[in-house]
Amino acid sequence: MSLPRYLGRKAAWYLGALLVAILLNFLLPRLIPGNPVDTIVSSLSRGGVEGSQLHAIHAHYVHEFGLDKPLWQQFLVYLGHLAHGDLGVSFAQSPATVQGLIGQALPWSIALQLPAIVIGWLVGNVLGALAAYRGGWFDRGAFLGSLFTSSMPYYCVAILLLYLLAVVIPVLPPSGGYSFGNAPELSAAFVSDALTHYWLPFLSLVIVFVGGQAVGMRSMAVYELGSDYVNYDRGLGLRDRTIIRYIFRNAMLPQVTGLALSIGTLVGGALITEIVFSYPGVGTLLFTAISQNDYPVVTGLTLLIAVAVLVANFCVEIAYGIIDPRIRASSRGER
């Protein structure tokens, strides 16, 4: 299959997947029991607002948010706004826009997860490669430790770190992105305060990521060490340094793919960690929006996560198709 045809076929598949994702993103939040307007009005009733006023407010919000229209009309309105890049207005935090709320939360998630992914990837691959090359007690210790940490759900690591470093030995703040009473600003005092709140969620992510990468890299390196070309190179008298460079270059290919996919999914990759630490990122925003039946925010966030995952997978498939023609041939059933 020619490269342009392969690219066109993949683009059509991913475009279809995006349309399905848009449809599901619209429908699924509306399947959550309850009504967002009921939630808003019930909170007002606790403030002493009278019944007639509550009915008027309820009718106003239902009309304002378009919830009095049939579902298919709401979907068409949603598509029209989406075509203009408008994700709508938050029901619970009106008149705040969904883009504005995501714009406030997204930098926190990226600042937390991108360094964790990159540092975890580098440290994990070096550790796995050293374990495979050196063998012996170092290999056994590194492998068992990596297997243990990678097998633990990252939110369990988060809870353990929270208990150890914020309760038993209270050296780090237990929650939040910055101290109560502060406001985000570009100042040395705020950055220092934010960094003290940063370490616990960062460590809970990077420990698990290092373990997963080390296990994967060790397995690939051990496989390459026993390959025929390695024995052939040794028979030719090549130096160990040259052979090791070949081994780890081949073993790195799947790891690079994993790195690309991890970066593509970083927007929604640590939702529970952010919730555990009340970190002001996308995870906390999504959790709050779900609890308030805030359809526009839930839809906007899940669409953002779906698009990031689809783009990451599309880029990886295109890269594979360019690097290896056999993948293009196999996609059409050729051998």
C-alpha atoms as a PDB file:
ATOM      1  CA  MET A   1       0.000   0.000   0.000  1.00  0.00           C
ATOM      2  CA  SER A   2       1.394   3.416  -0.948  1.00  0.00           C
ATOM      3  CA  LEU A   3       2.146   5.896   1.819  1.00  0.00           C
ATOM      4  CA  PRO A   4      -0.487   8.517   0.748  1.00  0.00           C
ATOM      5  CA  ARG A   5      -3.186   5.835   0.646  1.00  0.00           C
ATOM      6  CA  TYR A   6      -2.088   4.538   4.054  1.00  0.00           C
ATOM      7  CA  LEU A   7      -2.243   8.059   5.503  1.00  0.00           C
ATOM      8  CA  GLY A   8      -5.685   8.684   4.004  1.00  0.00           C
ATOM      9  CA  ARG A   9      -7.046   5.407   5.333  1.00  0.00           C
ATOM     10  CA  LYS A  10      -5.755   6.070   8.850  1.00  0.00           C
ATOM     11  CA  ALA A  11      -7.067   9.644   8.789  1.00  0.00           C
ATOM     12  CA  ALA A  12     -10.534   8.369   7.804  1.00  0.00           C
ATOM     13  CA  TRP A  13     -10.511   5.818  10.640  1.00  0.00           C
ATOM     14  CA  TYR A  14      -9.520   8.398  13.231  1.00  0.00           C
ATOM     15  CA  LEU A  15     -12.017  10.937  11.911  1.00  0.00           C
ATOM     16  CA  GLY A  16     -14.755   8.325  12.370  1.00  0.00           C
ATOM     17  CA  ALA A  17     -13.502   7.607  15.884  1.00  0.00           C
ATOM     18  CA  LEU A  18     -13.588  11.342  16.668  1.00  0.00           C
ATOM     19  CA  LEU A  19     -17.216  11.618  15.516  1.00  0.00           C
ATOM     20  CA  VAL A  20     -18.185   8.655  17.731  1.00  0.00           C
ATOM     21  CA  ALA A  21     -16.283  10.259  20.636  1.00  0.00           C
ATOM     22  CA  ILE A  22     -18.186  13.545  20.138  1.00  0.00           C
ATOM     23  CA  LEU A  23     -21.523  11.705  20.170  1.00  0.00           C
ATOM     24  CA  LEU A  24     -20.648   9.728  23.317  1.00  0.00           C
ATOM     25  CA  ASN A  25     -19.244  12.826  25.038  1.00  0.00           C
ATOM     26  CA  PHE A  26     -22.578  14.529  24.526  1.00  0.00           C
ATOM     27  CA  LEU A  27     -24.780  11.588  25.562  1.00  0.00           C
ATOM     28  CA  LEU A  28     -22.917  10.007  28.498  1.00  0.00           C
ATOM     29  CA  PRO A  29     -23.003  13.005  30.910  1.00  0.00           C
ATOM     30  CA  ARG A  30     -26.753  13.266  30.307  1.00  0.00           C
ATOM     31  CA  LEU A  31     -27.193   9.660  31.432  1.00  0.00           C
ATOM     32  CA  ILE A  32     -25.994  10.592  34.937  1.00  0.00           C
ATOM     33  CA  PRO A  33     -29.005  10.524  37.312  1.00  0.00           C
ATOM     34  CA  GLY A  34     -30.207  13.983  38.338  1.00  0.00           C
ATOM     35  CA  ASN A  35     -30.577  17.361  36.701  1.00  0.00           C
ATOM     36  CA  PRO A  36     -28.026  20.195  36.901  1.00  0.00           C
ATOM     37  CA  VAL A  37     -30.743  22.810  37.380  1.00  0.00           C
ATOM     38  CA  ASP A  38     -32.222  20.831  40.303  1.00  0.00           C
ATOM     39  CA  THR A  39     -28.755  20.811  41.898  1.00  0.00           C
ATOM     40  CA  ILE A  40     -28.383  24.582  41.516  1.00  0.00           C
ATOM     41  CA  VAL A  41     -31.885  25.336  42.775  1.00  0.00           C
ATOM     42  CA  SER A  42     -31.572  22.981  45.751  1.00  0.00           C
ATOM     43  CA  SER A  43     -28.418  24.823  46.831  1.00  0.00           C
ATOM     44  CA  LEU A  44     -30.351  28.099  46.626  1.00  0.00           C
ATOM     45  CA  SER A  45     -33.179  26.674  48.735  1.00  0.00           C
ATOM     46  CA  ARG A  46     -30.726  26.147  51.579  1.00  0.00           C
ATOM     47  CA  GLY A  47     -30.062  29.893  51.499  1.00  0.00           C
ATOM     48  CA  GLY A  48     -33.652  30.782  52.409  1.00  0.00           C
ATOM     49  CA  VAL A  49     -35.037  31.596  48.936  1.00  0.00           C
ATOM     50  CA  GLU A  50     -38.843  31.296  48.812  1.00  0.00           C
ATOM     51  CA  GLY A  51     -40.706  28.615  46.799  1.00  0.00           C
ATOM     52  CA  SER A  52     -42.167  30.919  44.124  1.00  0.00           C
ATOM     53  CA  GLN A  53     -38.750  32.430  43.507  1.00  0.00           C
ATOM     54  CA  LEU A  54     -37.223  28.954  43.246  1.00  0.00           C
ATOM     55  CA  HIS A  55     -39.773  27.990  40.572  1.00  0.00           C
ATOM     56  CA  ALA A  56     -38.968  31.137  38.608  1.00  0.00           C
ATOM     57  CA  ILE A  57     -35.231  30.526  38.924  1.00  0.00           C
ATOM     58  CA  HIS A  58     -35.687  26.882  37.881  1.00  0.00           C
ATOM     59  CA  ALA A  59     -37.663  27.863  34.765  1.00  0.00           C
ATOM     60  CA  HIS A  60     -35.119  30.565  33.914  1.00  0.00           C
ATOM     61  CA  TYR A  61     -32.124  28.211  34.141  1.00  0.00           C
ATOM     62  CA  VAL A  62     -33.875  25.436  32.188  1.00  0.00           C
ATOM     63  CA  HIS A  63     -34.562  27.895  29.351  1.00  0.00           C
ATOM     64  CA  GLU A  64     -31.167  29.585  29.608  1.00  0.00           C
ATOM     65  CA  PHE A  65     -29.244  26.298  29.386  1.00  0.00           C
ATOM     66  CA  GLY A  66     -31.482  24.939  26.613  1.00  0.00           C
ATOM     67  CA  LEU A  67     -32.636  21.948  28.664  1.00  0.00           C
ATOM     68  CA  ASP A  68     -36.267  22.521  27.612  1.00  0.00           C
ATOM     69  CA  LYS A  69     -35.387  21.453  24.056  1.00  0.00           C
ATOM     70  CA  PRO A  70     -35.471  17.850  22.811  1.00  0.00           C
ATOM     71  CA  LEU A  71     -32.177  15.997  23.083  1.00  0.00           C
ATOM     72  CA  TRP A  72     -31.544  15.978  19.321  1.00  0.00           C
ATOM     73  CA  GLN A  73     -31.962  19.778  19.194  1.00  0.00           C
ATOM     74  CA  GLN A  74     -29.529  20.150  22.093  1.00  0.00           C
ATOM     75  CA  PHE A  75     -27.061  17.978  20.159  1.00  0.00           C
ATOM     76  CA  LEU A  76     -27.368  20.142  17.031  1.00  0.00           C
ATOM     77  CA  VAL A  77     -26.822  23.291  19.107  1.00  0.00           C
ATOM     78  CA  TYR A  78     -23.779  21.620  20.702  1.00  0.00           C
ATOM     79  CA  LEU A  79     -22.345  20.732  17.279  1.00  0.00           C
ATOM     80  CA  GLY A  80     -22.922  24.291  16.064  1.00  0.00           C
ATOM     81  CA  HIS A  81     -21.054  25.752  19.023  1.00  0.00           C
ATOM     82  CA  LEU A  82     -18.305  23.129  18.687  1.00  0.00           C
ATOM     83  CA  ALA A  83     -17.804  24.038  15.018  1.00  0.00           C
ATOM     84  CA  HIS A  84     -16.986  27.578  16.179  1.00  0.00           C
ATOM     85  CA  GLY A  85     -14.658  26.349  18.947  1.00  0.00           C
ATOM     86  CA  ASP A  86     -17.183  27.203  21.671  1.00  0.00           C
ATOM     87  CA  LEU A  87     -17.483  24.583  24.443  1.00  0.00           C
ATOM     88  CA  GLY A  88     -20.285  26.473  26.163  1.00  0.00           C
ATOM     89  CA  VAL A  89     -20.888  28.009  29.563  1.00  0.00           C
ATOM     90  CA  SER A  90     -20.561  26.135  32.851  1.00  0.00           C
ATOM     91  CA  PHE A  91     -23.929  25.434  34.482  1.00  0.00           C
ATOM     92  CA  ALA A  92     -22.570  25.441  38.026  1.00  0.00           C
ATOM     93  CA  GLN A  93     -20.150  28.379  37.635  1.00  0.00           C
ATOM     94  CA  SER A  94     -22.105  30.492  35.130  1.00  0.00           C
ATOM     95  CA  PRO A  95     -21.132  32.845  33.498  1.00  0.00           C
ATOM     96  CA  ALA A  96     -17.658  31.218  33.465  1.00  0.00           C
ATOM     97  CA  THR A  97     -16.925  29.561  30.121  1.00  0.00           C
ATOM     98  CA  VAL A  98     -15.724  25.972  29.794  1.00  0.00           C
ATOM     99  CA  GLN A  99     -12.651  27.146  27.880  1.00  0.00           C
ATOM    100  CA  GLY A 100     -11.781  29.502  30.737  1.00  0.00           C
ATOM    101  CA  LEU A 101     -12.110  26.791  33.406  1.00  0.00           C
ATOM    102  CA  ILE A 102     -10.049  24.322  31.359  1.00  0.00           C
ATOM    103  CA  GLY A 103      -7.485  27.051  30.696  1.00  0.00           C
ATOM    104  CA  GLN A 104      -7.076  27.540  34.461  1.00  0.00           C
ATOM    105  CA  ALA A 105      -6.806  23.797  35.273  1.00  0.00           C
ATOM    106  CA  LEU A 106      -4.797  22.497  32.317  1.00  0.00           C
ATOM    107  CA  PRO A 107      -1.434  24.188  33.141  1.00  0.00           C
ATOM    108  CA  TRP A 108      -1.492  22.575  36.597  1.00  0.00           C
ATOM    109  CA  SER A 109      -2.024  19.097  35.110  1.00  0.00           C
ATOM    110  CA  ILE A 110       0.664  19.568  32.457  1.00  0.00           C
ATOM    111  CA  ALA A 111       3.162  20.959  34.995  1.00  0.00           C
ATOM    112  CA  LEU A 112       2.508  17.949  37.228  1.00  0.00           C
ATOM    113  CA  GLN A 113       2.426  15.113  34.699  1.00  0.00           C
ATOM    114  CA  LEU A 114       4.842  16.077  31.917  1.00  0.00           C
ATOM    115  CA  PRO A 115       7.946  16.169  34.193  1.00  0.00           C
ATOM    116  CA  ALA A 116       6.741  12.970  35.897  1.00  0.00           C
ATOM    117  CA  ILE A 117       6.427  11.168  32.548  1.00  0.00           C
ATOM    118  CA  VAL A 118       9.763  12.387  31.124  1.00  0.00           C
ATOM    119  CA  ILE A 119      11.810  11.831  34.303  1.00  0.00           C
ATOM    120  CA  GLY A 120      10.097   8.486  34.975  1.00  0.00           C
ATOM    121  CA  TRP A 121      10.773   7.380  31.396  1.00  0.00           C
ATOM    122  CA  LEU A 122      14.476   8.308  31.524  1.00  0.00           C
ATOM    123  CA  VAL A 123      15.166   6.854  34.980  1.00  0.00           C
ATOM    124  CA  GLY A 124      13.096   3.710  34.309  1.00  0.00           C
ATOM    125  CA  ASN A 125      14.842   2.912  31.024  1.00  0.00           C
ATOM    126  CA  VAL A 126      18.324   3.453  32.447  1.00  0.00           C
ATOM    127  CA  LEU A 127      17.458   1.275  35.447  1.00  0.00           C
ATOM    128  CA  GLY A 128      15.995  -1.506  33.268  1.00  0.00           C
ATOM    129  CA  ALA A 129      18.961  -1.440  30.892  1.00  0.00           C
ATOM    130  CA  LEU A 130      21.479  -1.600  33.758  1.00  0.00           C
ATOM    131  CA  ALA A 131      19.560  -4.460  35.378  1.00  0.00           C
ATOM    132  CA  ALA A 132      19.610  -6.515  32.159  1.00  0.00           C
ATOM    133  CA  TYR A 133      23.284  -5.782  31.452  1.00  0.00           C
ATOM    134  CA  ARG A 134      24.720  -6.277  34.927  1.00  0.00           C
ATOM    135  CA  GLY A 135      22.509  -9.179  36.073  1.00  0.00           C
ATOM    136  CA  GLY A 136      23.075 -10.795  39.480  1.00  0.00           C
ATOM    137  CA  TRP A 137      21.788  -9.217  42.688  1.00  0.00           C
ATOM    138  CA  PHE A 138      21.389  -5.816  41.064  1.00  0.00           C
ATOM    139  CA  ASP A 139      19.073  -7.308  38.425  1.00  0.00           C
ATOM    140  CA  ARG A 140      17.021  -9.248  40.981  1.00  0.00           C
ATOM    141  CA  GLY A 141      16.643  -6.267  43.298  1.00  0.00           C
ATOM    142  CA  ALA A 142      15.833  -3.778  40.541  1.00  0.00           C
ATOM    143  CA  PHE A 143      13.400  -6.149  38.837  1.00  0.00           C
ATOM    144  CA  LEU A 144      11.473  -7.062  41.986  1.00  0.00           C
ATOM    145  CA  GLY A 145      11.334  -3.451  43.164  1.00  0.00           C
ATOM    146  CA  SER A 146      10.185  -2.237  39.755  1.00  0.00           C
ATOM    147  CA  LEU A 147       7.608  -5.013  39.463  1.00  0.00           C
ATOM    148  CA  PHE A 148       6.221  -4.147  42.908  1.00  0.00           C
ATOM    149  CA  THR A 149       5.889  -0.410  42.251  1.00  0.00           C
ATOM    150  CA  SER A 150       4.486  -0.848  38.733  1.00  0.00           C
ATOM    151  CA  SER A 151       1.862  -3.314  40.011  1.00  0.00           C
ATOM    152  CA  MET A 152       0.496  -0.853  42.584  1.00  0.00           C
ATOM    153  CA  PRO A 153      -2.275   1.486  41.449  1.00  0.00           C
ATOM    154  CA  TYR A 154      -0.903   5.024  41.470  1.00  0.00           C
ATOM    155  CA  TYR A 155      -3.654   6.239  43.771  1.00  0.00           C
ATOM    156  CA  CYS A 156      -2.538   3.653  46.386  1.00  0.00           C
ATOM    157  CA  VAL A 157       0.993   5.063  46.185  1.00  0.00           C
ATOM    158  CA  ALA A 158      -0.533   8.524  46.554  1.00  0.00           C
ATOM    159  CA  ILE A 159      -2.400   7.535  49.728  1.00  0.00           C
ATOM    160  CA  LEU A 160       0.708   5.838  51.202  1.00  0.00           C
ATOM    161  CA  LEU A 161       2.872   8.898  50.530  1.00  0.00           C
ATOM    162  CA  LEU A 162       0.181  11.153  51.913  1.00  0.00           C
ATOM    163  CA  TYR A 163       0.090   9.139  55.130  1.00  0.00           C
ATOM    164  CA  LEU A 164       3.886   8.876  55.505  1.00  0.00           C
ATOM    165  CA  LEU A 165       5.026  12.371  54.477  1.00  0.00           C
ATOM    166  CA  ALA A 166       2.046  14.469  55.544  1.00  0.00           C
ATOM    167  CA  VAL A 167       0.710  12.636  58.613  1.00  0.00           C
ATOM    168  CA  VAL A 168       3.402  10.420  60.222  1.00  0.00           C
ATOM    169  CA  ILE A 169       6.283  12.739  59.267  1.00  0.00           C
ATOM    170  CA  PRO A 170       4.578  16.057  58.422  1.00  0.00           C
ATOM    171  CA  VAL A 171       7.234  17.518  56.147  1.00  0.00           C
ATOM    172  CA  LEU A 172       4.973  18.256  53.148  1.00  0.00           C
ATOM    173  CA  PRO A 173       1.488  19.802  52.887  1.00  0.00           C
ATOM    174  CA  PRO A 174      -1.236  17.175  52.447  1.00  0.00           C
ATOM    175  CA  SER A 175      -3.372  18.814  49.754  1.00  0.00           C
ATOM    176  CA  GLY A 176      -3.885  21.689  47.357  1.00  0.00           C
ATOM    177  CA  GLY A 177      -1.692  23.343  44.766  1.00  0.00           C
ATOM    178  CA  TYR A 178      -0.815  26.289  47.027  1.00  0.00           C
ATOM    179  CA  SER A 179      -1.537  27.525  50.549  1.00  0.00           C
ATOM    180  CA  PHE A 180      -4.973  28.767  51.514  1.00  0.00           C
ATOM    181  CA  GLY A 181      -5.222  32.525  51.112  1.00  0.00           C
ATOM    182  CA  ASN A 182      -2.687  32.704  48.267  1.00  0.00           C
ATOM    183  CA  ALA A 183      -3.619  33.468  44.668  1.00  0.00           C
ATOM    184  CA  PRO A 184      -1.694  32.274  41.574  1.00  0.00           C
ATOM    185  CA  GLU A 185       0.873  34.873  40.541  1.00  0.00           C
ATOM    186  CA  LEU A 186       4.360  35.020  39.091  1.00  0.00           C
ATOM    187  CA  SER A 187       6.348  35.677  42.247  1.00  0.00           C
ATOM    188  CA  ALA A 188       9.146  33.824  44.002  1.00  0.00           C
ATOM    189  CA  ALA A 189       7.050  33.397  47.148  1.00  0.00           C
ATOM    190  CA  PHE A 190       4.152  31.796  45.269  1.00  0.00           C
ATOM    191  CA  VAL A 191       6.411  29.504  43.187  1.00  0.00           C
ATOM    192  CA  SER A 192       8.165  28.322  46.357  1.00  0.00           C
ATOM    193  CA  ASP A 193       4.804  27.670  48.020  1.00  0.00           C
ATOM    194  CA  ALA A 194       3.492  25.804  44.950  1.00  0.00           C
ATOM    195  CA  LEU A 195       6.628  23.630  44.820  1.00  0.00           C
ATOM    196  CA  THR A 196       6.113  22.443  48.408  1.00  0.00           C
ATOM    197  CA  HIS A 197       2.600  21.291  47.413  1.00  0.00           C
ATOM    198  CA  TYR A 198       3.965  19.775  44.200  1.00  0.00           C
ATOM    199  CA  TRP A 199       6.214  17.029  45.570  1.00  0.00           C
ATOM    200  CA  LEU A 200       3.662  14.572  46.959  1.00  0.00           C
ATOM    201  CA  PRO A 201       1.528  14.199  43.782  1.00  0.00           C
ATOM    202  CA  PHE A 202       4.696  14.265  41.637  1.00  0.00           C
ATOM    203  CA  LEU A 203       6.365  11.460  43.615  1.00  0.00           C
ATOM    204  CA  SER A 204       3.222   9.310  43.551  1.00  0.00           C
ATOM    205  CA  LEU A 205       3.231   9.469  39.745  1.00  0.00           C
ATOM    206  CA  VAL A 206       6.935   9.174  39.030  1.00  0.00           C
ATOM    207  CA  ILE A 207       7.510   6.150  41.300  1.00  0.00           C
ATOM    208  CA  VAL A 208       4.898   4.083  39.447  1.00  0.00           C
ATOM    209  CA  PHE A 209       6.111   5.281  36.048  1.00  0.00           C
ATOM    210  CA  VAL A 210       9.761   4.408  36.803  1.00  0.00           C
ATOM    211  CA  GLY A 211       8.725   0.866  37.792  1.00  0.00           C
ATOM    212  CA  GLY A 212       6.670   0.280  34.634  1.00  0.00           C
ATOM    213  CA  GLN A 213       9.375   1.580  32.305  1.00  0.00           C
ATOM    214  CA  ALA A 214      12.141  -0.393  34.056  1.00  0.00           C
ATOM    215  CA  VAL A 215      10.224  -3.680  33.761  1.00  0.00           C
ATOM    216  CA  GLY A 216       9.526  -3.098  30.060  1.00  0.00           C
ATOM    217  CA  MET A 217      13.090  -2.021  29.238  1.00  0.00           C
ATOM    218  CA  ARG A 218      14.639  -4.929  31.127  1.00  0.00           C
ATOM    219  CA  SER A 219      12.481  -7.470  29.284  1.00  0.00           C
ATOM    220  CA  MET A 220      13.349  -6.014  25.881  1.00  0.00           C
ATOM    221  CA  ALA A 221      17.059  -5.777  26.704  1.00  0.00           C
ATOM    222  CA  VAL A 222      17.202  -9.381  27.975  1.00  0.00           C
ATOM    223  CA  TYR A 223      15.526 -10.529  24.746  1.00  0.00           C
ATOM    224  CA  GLU A 224      18.010  -8.598  22.614  1.00  0.00           C
ATOM    225  CA  LEU A 225      20.995  -9.906  24.622  1.00  0.00           C
ATOM    226  CA  GLY A 226      20.061 -13.466  23.588  1.00  0.00           C
ATOM    227  CA  SER A 227      19.506 -12.653  19.885  1.00  0.00           C
ATOM    228  CA  ASP A 228      21.489 -14.314  17.088  1.00  0.00           C
ATOM    229  CA  TYR A 229      22.925 -11.039  15.843  1.00  0.00           C
ATOM    230  CA  VAL A 230      24.472 -10.420  19.263  1.00  0.00           C
ATOM    231  CA  ASN A 231      26.204 -13.812  19.174  1.00  0.00           C
ATOM    232  CA  TYR A 232      27.276 -13.112  15.590  1.00  0.00           C
ATOM    233  CA  ASP A 233      28.700  -9.724  16.568  1.00  0.00           C
ATOM    234  CA  ARG A 234      30.598 -11.326  19.415  1.00  0.00           C
ATOM    235  CA  GLY A 235      31.946 -13.953  17.012  1.00  0.00           C
ATOM    236  CA  LEU A 236      33.203 -11.143  14.772  1.00  0.00           C
ATOM    237  CA  GLY A 237      35.104  -9.739  17.735  1.00  0.00           C
ATOM    238  CA  LEU A 238      33.161  -6.456  18.093  1.00  0.00           C
ATOM    239  CA  ARG A 239      33.703  -4.577  21.304  1.00  0.00           C
ATOM    240  CA  ASP A 240      31.101  -4.864  24.082  1.00  0.00           C
ATOM    241  CA  ARG A 241      30.432  -1.130  23.905  1.00  0.00           C
ATOM    242  CA  THR A 242      29.412  -1.411  20.232  1.00  0.00           C
ATOM    243  CA  ILE A 243      27.221  -4.461  20.827  1.00  0.00           C
ATOM    244  CA  ILE A 244      25.494  -2.830  23.795  1.00  0.00           C
ATOM    245  CA  ARG A 245      24.726   0.235  21.685  1.00  0.00           C
ATOM    246  CA  TYR A 246      22.990  -1.993  19.102  1.00  0.00           C
ATOM    247  CA  ILE A 247      21.071  -3.852  21.802  1.00  0.00           C
ATOM    248  CA  PHE A 248      19.695  -0.830  23.573  1.00  0.00           C
ATOM    249  CA  ARG A 249      18.916   1.008  20.342  1.00  0.00           C
ATOM    250  CA  ASN A 250      16.636  -1.875  19.284  1.00  0.00           C
ATOM    251  CA  ALA A 251      15.165  -2.261  22.767  1.00  0.00           C
ATOM    252  CA  MET A 252      14.276   1.438  22.892  1.00  0.00           C
ATOM    253  CA  LEU A 253      11.777   1.359  19.996  1.00  0.00           C
ATOM    254  CA  PRO A 254       8.751   0.089  22.010  1.00  0.00           C
ATOM    255  CA  GLN A 255       9.718   2.395  24.868  1.00  0.00           C
ATOM    256  CA  VAL A 256       9.649   5.428  22.577  1.00  0.00           C
ATOM    257  CA  THR A 257       6.163   4.397  21.471  1.00  0.00           C
ATOM    258  CA  GLY A 258       5.115   4.151  25.112  1.00  0.00           C
ATOM    259  CA  LEU A 259       6.521   7.627  25.790  1.00  0.00           C
ATOM    260  CA  ALA A 260       4.535   9.122  22.897  1.00  0.00           C
ATOM    261  CA  LEU A 261       1.315   7.500  24.105  1.00  0.00           C
ATOM    262  CA  SER A 262       1.950   8.599  27.700  1.00  0.00           C
ATOM    263  CA  ILE A 263       2.454  12.214  26.612  1.00  0.00           C
ATOM    264  CA  GLY A 264      -0.708  11.998  24.524  1.00  0.00           C
ATOM    265  CA  THR A 265      -2.743  10.813  27.499  1.00  0.00           C
ATOM    266  CA  LEU A 266      -1.207  13.122  30.101  1.00  0.00           C
ATOM    267  CA  VAL A 267      -4.288  15.375  30.167  1.00  0.00           C
ATOM    268  CA  GLY A 268      -6.355  12.653  31.802  1.00  0.00           C
ATOM    269  CA  GLY A 269      -3.603  10.405  33.092  1.00  0.00           C
ATOM    270  CA  ALA A 270      -3.670  11.253  36.796  1.00  0.00           C
ATOM    271  CA  LEU A 271      -7.268  12.095  37.578  1.00  0.00           C
ATOM    272  CA  ILE A 272      -7.420  10.189  40.855  1.00  0.00           C
ATOM    273  CA  THR A 273      -4.033  11.489  42.037  1.00  0.00           C
ATOM    274  CA  GLU A 274      -5.266  15.054  41.575  1.00  0.00           C
ATOM    275  CA  ILE A 275      -8.460  14.201  43.449  1.00  0.00           C
ATOM    276  CA  VAL A 276      -6.543  12.544  46.331  1.00  0.00           C
ATOM    277  CA  PHE A 277      -4.367  15.639  46.792  1.00  0.00           C
ATOM    278  CA  SER A 278      -7.066  18.180  45.814  1.00  0.00           C
ATOM    279  CA  TYR A 279      -4.621  19.395  43.193  1.00  0.00           C
ATOM    280  CA  PRO A 280      -6.181  22.162  41.062  1.00  0.00           C
ATOM    281  CA  GLY A 281      -5.842  20.315  37.751  1.00  0.00           C
ATOM    282  CA  VAL A 282      -8.114  18.719  35.199  1.00  0.00           C
ATOM    283  CA  GLY A 283      -8.907  15.734  37.461  1.00  0.00           C
ATOM    284  CA  THR A 284     -10.274  17.886  40.268  1.00  0.00           C
ATOM    285  CA  LEU A 285     -12.239  20.010  37.788  1.00  0.00           C
ATOM    286  CA  LEU A 286     -13.768  16.889  36.204  1.00  0.00           C
ATOM    287  CA  PHE A 287     -14.653  15.389  39.590  1.00  0.00           C
ATOM    288  CA  THR A 288     -16.366  18.612  40.688  1.00  0.00           C
ATOM    289  CA  ALA A 289     -18.228  18.908  37.380  1.00  0.00           C
ATOM    290  CA  ILE A 290     -19.525  15.313  37.592  1.00  0.00           C
ATOM    291  CA  SER A 291     -20.737  15.809  41.173  1.00  0.00           C
ATOM    292  CA  GLN A 292     -22.643  18.944  40.029  1.00  0.00           C
ATOM    293  CA  ASN A 293     -23.978  17.419  36.764  1.00  0.00           C
ATOM    294  CA  ASP A 294     -22.223  20.247  34.950  1.00  0.00           C
ATOM    295  CA  TYR A 295     -22.731  18.845  31.441  1.00  0.00           C
ATOM    296  CA  PRO A 296     -20.716  21.420  29.444  1.00  0.00           C
ATOM    297  CA  VAL A 297     -17.604  21.070  31.640  1.00  0.00           C
ATOM    298  CA  VAL A 298     -17.788  17.256  31.677  1.00  0.00           C
ATOM    299  CA  THR A 299     -18.297  17.189  27.906  1.00  0.00           C
ATOM    300  CA  GLY A 300     -15.484  19.667  27.264  1.00  0.00           C
ATOM    301  CA  LEU A 301     -12.973  17.780  29.436  1.00  0.00           C
ATOM    302  CA  THR A 302     -13.794  14.310  28.111  1.00  0.00           C
ATOM    303  CA  LEU A 303     -13.630  15.639  24.543  1.00  0.00           C
ATOM    304  CA  LEU A 304     -10.217  17.165  25.265  1.00  0.00           C
ATOM    305  CA  ILE A 305      -8.964  13.843  26.677  1.00  0.00           C
ATOM    306  CA  ALA A 306     -10.401  11.867  23.736  1.00  0.00           C
ATOM    307  CA  VAL A 307      -8.820  14.183  21.162  1.00  0.00           C
ATOM    308  CA  ALA A 308      -5.422  13.980  22.904  1.00  0.00           C
ATOM    309  CA  VAL A 309      -5.533  10.162  22.924  1.00  0.00           C
ATOM    310  CA  LEU A 310      -6.632   9.970  19.279  1.00  0.00           C
ATOM    311  CA  VAL A 311      -3.936  12.401  18.124  1.00  0.00           C
ATOM    312  CA  ALA A 312      -1.236  10.486  20.029  1.00  0.00           C
ATOM    313  CA  ASN A 313      -2.318   7.133  18.558  1.00  0.00           C
ATOM    314  CA  PHE A 314      -2.610   8.619  15.070  1.00  0.00           C
ATOM    315  CA  CYS A 315       0.921  10.057  15.249  1.00  0.00           C
ATOM    316  CA  VAL A 316       2.343   6.728  16.442  1.00  0.00           C
ATOM    317  CA  GLU A 317       0.588   4.773  13.659  1.00  0.00           C
ATOM    318  CA  ILE A 318       1.767   7.223  11.018  1.00  0.00           C
ATOM    319  CA  ALA A 319       5.331   7.045  12.340  1.00  0.00           C
ATOM    320  CA  TYR A 320       5.230   3.241  12.246  1.00  0.00           C
ATOM    321  CA  GLY A 321       3.836   3.284   8.710  1.00  0.00           C
ATOM    322  CA  ILE A 322       6.652   5.552   7.528  1.00  0.00           C
ATOM    323  CA  ILE A 323       9.399   3.615   9.322  1.00  0.00           C
ATOM    324  CA  ASP A 324       8.263   0.079   8.456  1.00  0.00           C
ATOM    325  CA  PRO A 325       6.571  -0.628   5.070  1.00  0.00           C
ATOM    326  CA  ARG A 326       5.491  -4.063   6.336  1.00  0.00           C
ATOM    327  CA  ILE A 327       2.914  -2.358   8.585  1.00  0.00           C
ATOM    328  CA  ARG A 328       1.379  -0.597   5.569  1.00  0.00           C
ATOM    329  CA  ALA A 329       1.240  -3.927   3.734  1.00  0.00           C
ATOM    330  CA  SER A 330      -0.324  -5.792   6.671  1.00  0.00           C
ATOM    331  CA  SER A 331      -3.074  -3.180   7.048  1.00  0.00           C
ATOM    332  CA  ARG A 332      -4.405  -4.294   3.631  1.00  0.00           C
ATOM    333  CA  GLY A 333      -3.899  -7.999   4.325  1.00  0.00           C
ATOM    334  CA  GLU A 334      -0.714  -8.198   2.232  1.00  0.00           C
ATOM    335  CA  ARG A 335       2.295 -10.223   3.333  1.00  0.00           C
END
